[in-house]
PDB file of N, CA and C in Angstrom:
ATOM      1  N   MET A   1     -73.892  67.736 -11.647  1.00  0.00           N
ATOM      2  CA  MET A   1     -75.005  67.796 -12.568  1.00  0.00           C
ATOM      3  C   MET A   1     -75.181  66.478 -13.316  1.00  0.00           C
ATOM      4  N   THR A   2     -74.125  65.753 -13.532  1.00  0.00           N
ATOM      5  CA  THR A   2     -74.215  64.466 -14.226  1.00  0.00           C
ATOM      6  C   THR A   2     -75.083  63.490 -13.460  1.00  0.00           C
ATOM      7  N   GLN A   3     -74.963  63.472 -12.141  1.00  0.00           N
ATOM      8  CA  GLN A   3     -75.781  62.567 -11.323  1.00  0.00           C
ATOM      9  C   GLN A   3     -77.258  62.877 -11.510  1.00  0.00           C
ATOM     10  N   PHE A   4     -77.627  64.146 -11.524  1.00  0.00           N
ATOM     11  CA  PHE A   4     -79.013  64.544 -11.753  1.00  0.00           C
ATOM     12  C   PHE A   4     -79.490  64.027 -13.109  1.00  0.00           C
ATOM     13  N   ASN A   5     -78.695  64.222 -14.150  1.00  0.00           N
ATOM     14  CA  ASN A   5     -79.062  63.769 -15.490  1.00  0.00           C
ATOM     15  C   ASN A   5     -79.222  62.261 -15.550  1.00  0.00           C
ATOM     16  N   ASN A   6     -78.355  61.517 -14.888  1.00  0.00           N
ATOM     17  CA  ASN A   6     -78.458  60.061 -14.865  1.00  0.00           C
ATOM     18  C   ASN A   6     -79.742  59.620 -14.178  1.00  0.00           C
ATOM     19  N   ASN A   7     -80.120  60.286 -13.105  1.00  0.00           N
ATOM     20  CA  ASN A   7     -81.355  59.926 -12.420  1.00  0.00           C
ATOM     21  C   ASN A   7     -82.567  60.179 -13.302  1.00  0.00           C
ATOM     22  N   ILE A   8     -82.594  61.286 -14.017  1.00  0.00           N
ATOM     23  CA  ILE A   8     -83.700  61.584 -14.926  1.00  0.00           C
ATOM     24  C   ILE A   8     -83.767  60.520 -16.013  1.00  0.00           C
ATOM     25  N   THR A   9     -82.635  60.141 -16.574  1.00  0.00           N
ATOM     26  CA  THR A   9     -82.604  59.116 -17.608  1.00  0.00           C
ATOM     27  C   THR A   9     -83.168  57.805 -17.081  1.00  0.00           C
ATOM     28  N   GLN A  10     -82.812  57.415 -15.876  1.00  0.00           N
ATOM     29  CA  GLN A  10     -83.343  56.183 -15.289  1.00  0.00           C
ATOM     30  C   GLN A  10     -84.856  56.253 -15.139  1.00  0.00           C
ATOM     31  N   ILE A  11     -85.366  57.379 -14.706  1.00  0.00           N
ATOM     32  CA  ILE A  11     -86.810  57.549 -14.558  1.00  0.00           C
ATOM     33  C   ILE A  11     -87.496  57.456 -15.917  1.00  0.00           C
ATOM     34  N   LEU A  12     -86.970  58.149 -16.911  1.00  0.00           N
ATOM     35  CA  LEU A  12     -87.572  58.126 -18.242  1.00  0.00           C
ATOM     36  C   LEU A  12     -87.544  56.729 -18.845  1.00  0.00           C
ATOM     37  N   GLU A  13     -86.460  56.003 -18.655  1.00  0.00           N
ATOM     38  CA  GLU A  13     -86.339  54.660 -19.200  1.00  0.00           C
ATOM     39  C   GLU A  13     -87.306  53.675 -18.549  1.00  0.00           C
ATOM     40  N   SER A  14     -87.725  53.947 -17.323  1.00  0.00           N
ATOM     41  CA  SER A  14     -88.594  53.000 -16.618  1.00  0.00           C
ATOM     42  C   SER A  14     -90.080  53.316 -16.784  1.00  0.00           C
ATOM     43  N   HIS A  15     -90.407  54.335 -17.577  1.00  0.00           N
ATOM     44  CA  HIS A  15     -91.802  54.708 -17.814  1.00  0.00           C
ATOM     45  C   HIS A  15     -92.055  54.921 -19.301  1.00  0.00           C
ATOM     46  N   ASP A  16     -93.304  54.706 -19.714  1.00  0.00           N
ATOM     47  CA  ASP A  16     -93.662  54.917 -21.110  1.00  0.00           C
ATOM     48  C   ASP A  16     -94.319  56.269 -21.341  1.00  0.00           C
ATOM     49  N   LYS A  17     -95.041  56.754 -20.326  1.00  0.00           N
ATOM     50  CA  LYS A  17     -95.814  57.978 -20.495  1.00  0.00           C
ATOM     51  C   LYS A  17     -95.588  58.914 -19.321  1.00  0.00           C
ATOM     52  N   ILE A  18     -95.952  60.167 -19.553  1.00  0.00           N
ATOM     53  CA  ILE A  18     -95.859  61.222 -18.544  1.00  0.00           C
ATOM     54  C   ILE A  18     -97.235  61.850 -18.424  1.00  0.00           C
ATOM     55  N   PHE A  19     -97.646  62.171 -17.222  1.00  0.00           N
ATOM     56  CA  PHE A  19     -98.920  62.842 -17.012  1.00  0.00           C
ATOM     57  C   PHE A  19     -98.635  64.207 -16.423  1.00  0.00           C
ATOM     58  N   ASN A  20     -99.074  65.256 -17.129  1.00  0.00           N
ATOM     59  CA  ASN A  20     -98.896  66.610 -16.619  1.00  0.00           C
ATOM     60  C   ASN A  20    -100.178  67.403 -16.850  1.00  0.00           C
ATOM     61  N   THR A  21    -100.120  68.689 -16.720  1.00  0.00           N
ATOM     62  CA  THR A  21    -101.337  69.504 -16.812  1.00  0.00           C
ATOM     63  C   THR A  21    -101.963  69.480 -18.201  1.00  0.00           C
ATOM     64  N   SER A  22    -101.211  69.080 -19.217  1.00  0.00           N
ATOM     65  CA  SER A  22    -101.779  68.992 -20.567  1.00  0.00           C
ATOM     66  C   SER A  22    -102.287  67.589 -20.885  1.00  0.00           C
ATOM     67  N   GLY A  23    -102.241  66.702 -19.909  1.00  0.00           N
ATOM     68  CA  GLY A  23    -102.753  65.345 -20.100  1.00  0.00           C
ATOM     69  C   GLY A  23    -101.647  64.320 -20.159  1.00  0.00           C
ATOM     70  N   GLU A  24    -102.026  63.117 -20.586  1.00  0.00           N
ATOM     71  CA  GLU A  24    -101.083  62.010 -20.673  1.00  0.00           C
ATOM     72  C   GLU A  24    -100.381  62.045 -22.020  1.00  0.00           C
ATOM     73  N   LYS A  25     -99.061  62.022 -21.987  1.00  0.00           N
ATOM     74  CA  LYS A  25     -98.257  62.129 -23.212  1.00  0.00           C
ATOM     75  C   LYS A  25     -97.180  61.056 -23.220  1.00  0.00           C
ATOM     76  N   GLU A  26     -96.780  60.660 -24.422  1.00  0.00           N
ATOM     77  CA  GLU A  26     -95.602  59.808 -24.551  1.00  0.00           C
ATOM     78  C   GLU A  26     -94.394  60.640 -24.129  1.00  0.00           C
ATOM     79  N   ILE A  27     -93.421  60.007 -23.507  1.00  0.00           N
ATOM     80  CA  ILE A  27     -92.233  60.722 -23.030  1.00  0.00           C
ATOM     81  C   ILE A  27     -91.534  61.438 -24.191  1.00  0.00           C
ATOM     82  N   GLU A  28     -91.492  60.785 -25.345  1.00  0.00           N
ATOM     83  CA  GLU A  28     -90.836  61.379 -26.504  1.00  0.00           C
ATOM     84  C   GLU A  28     -91.534  62.660 -26.966  1.00  0.00           C
ATOM     85  N   GLU A  29     -92.841  62.794 -26.694  1.00  0.00           N
ATOM     86  CA  GLU A  29     -93.569  64.010 -27.052  1.00  0.00           C
ATOM     87  C   GLU A  29     -93.191  65.180 -26.143  1.00  0.00           C
ATOM     88  N   VAL A  30     -92.886  64.882 -24.899  1.00  0.00           N
ATOM     89  CA  VAL A  30     -92.605  65.920 -23.906  1.00  0.00           C
ATOM     90  C   VAL A  30     -91.141  66.363 -23.968  1.00  0.00           C
ATOM     91  N   PHE A  31     -90.237  65.408 -24.126  1.00  0.00           N
ATOM     92  CA  PHE A  31     -88.806  65.703 -24.142  1.00  0.00           C
ATOM     93  C   PHE A  31     -88.289  65.572 -25.571  1.00  0.00           C
ATOM     94  N   GLU A  32     -88.285  66.677 -26.284  1.00  0.00           N
ATOM     95  CA  GLU A  32     -87.855  66.695 -27.682  1.00  0.00           C
ATOM     96  C   GLU A  32     -86.423  66.186 -27.810  1.00  0.00           C
ATOM     97  N   GLY A  33     -86.198  65.274 -28.731  1.00  0.00           N
ATOM     98  CA  GLY A  33     -84.862  64.725 -28.956  1.00  0.00           C
ATOM     99  C   GLY A  33     -84.557  63.498 -28.119  1.00  0.00           C
ATOM    100  N   TYR A  34     -85.424  63.160 -27.166  1.00  0.00           N
ATOM    101  CA  TYR A  34     -85.190  61.978 -26.325  1.00  0.00           C
ATOM    102  C   TYR A  34     -85.624  60.731 -27.079  1.00  0.00           C
ATOM    103  N   GLU A  35     -84.795  59.711 -27.075  1.00  0.00           N
ATOM    104  CA  GLU A  35     -85.134  58.426 -27.669  1.00  0.00           C
ATOM    105  C   GLU A  35     -84.970  57.356 -26.606  1.00  0.00           C
ATOM    106  N   LYS A  36     -86.038  56.625 -26.350  1.00  0.00           N
ATOM    107  CA  LYS A  36     -86.016  55.574 -25.332  1.00  0.00           C
ATOM    108  C   LYS A  36     -85.181  54.401 -25.817  1.00  0.00           C
ATOM    109  N   ILE A  37     -84.360  53.872 -24.939  1.00  0.00           N
ATOM    110  CA  ILE A  37     -83.574  52.686 -25.242  1.00  0.00           C
ATOM    111  C   ILE A  37     -84.494  51.483 -25.092  1.00  0.00           C
ATOM    112  N   GLN A  38     -84.741  50.781 -26.172  1.00  0.00           N
ATOM    113  CA  GLN A  38     -85.651  49.640 -26.164  1.00  0.00           C
ATOM    114  C   GLN A  38     -85.001  48.427 -25.516  1.00  0.00           C
ATOM    115  N   ASN A  39     -85.853  47.613 -24.878  1.00  0.00           N
ATOM    116  CA  ASN A  39     -85.428  46.333 -24.280  1.00  0.00           C
ATOM    117  C   ASN A  39     -84.411  46.497 -23.165  1.00  0.00           C
ATOM    118  N   LYS A  40     -84.430  47.615 -22.469  1.00  0.00           N
ATOM    119  CA  LYS A  40     -83.520  47.837 -21.351  1.00  0.00           C
ATOM    120  C   LYS A  40     -84.357  47.997 -20.091  1.00  0.00           C
ATOM    121  N   LYS A  41     -84.119  47.150 -19.108  1.00  0.00           N
ATOM    122  CA  LYS A  41     -84.836  47.222 -17.843  1.00  0.00           C
ATOM    123  C   LYS A  41     -83.987  47.978 -16.836  1.00  0.00           C
ATOM    124  N   VAL A  42     -84.596  48.922 -16.167  1.00  0.00           N
ATOM    125  CA  VAL A  42     -83.911  49.690 -15.126  1.00  0.00           C
ATOM    126  C   VAL A  42     -84.445  49.209 -13.801  1.00  0.00           C
ATOM    127  N   THR A  43     -83.563  48.808 -12.911  1.00  0.00           N
ATOM    128  CA  THR A  43     -83.969  48.371 -11.591  1.00  0.00           C
ATOM    129  C   THR A  43     -83.316  49.272 -10.575  1.00  0.00           C
ATOM    130  N   GLY A  44     -83.944  49.352  -9.432  1.00  0.00           N
ATOM    131  CA  GLY A  44     -83.320  50.213  -8.439  1.00  0.00           C
ATOM    132  C   GLY A  44     -84.112  50.401  -7.226  1.00  0.00           C
TER     133      GLY A  44
END
């Protein structure tokens, strides 16, 4: 399960917004308690 969580974190860190059926939202609005790590580039 840790590998799954790490992959989600990498995806969230590499994007600013999420688009779902309720429209375009900031990631922090969709995932309560999530705080984006600033100035960190994810490559892969």
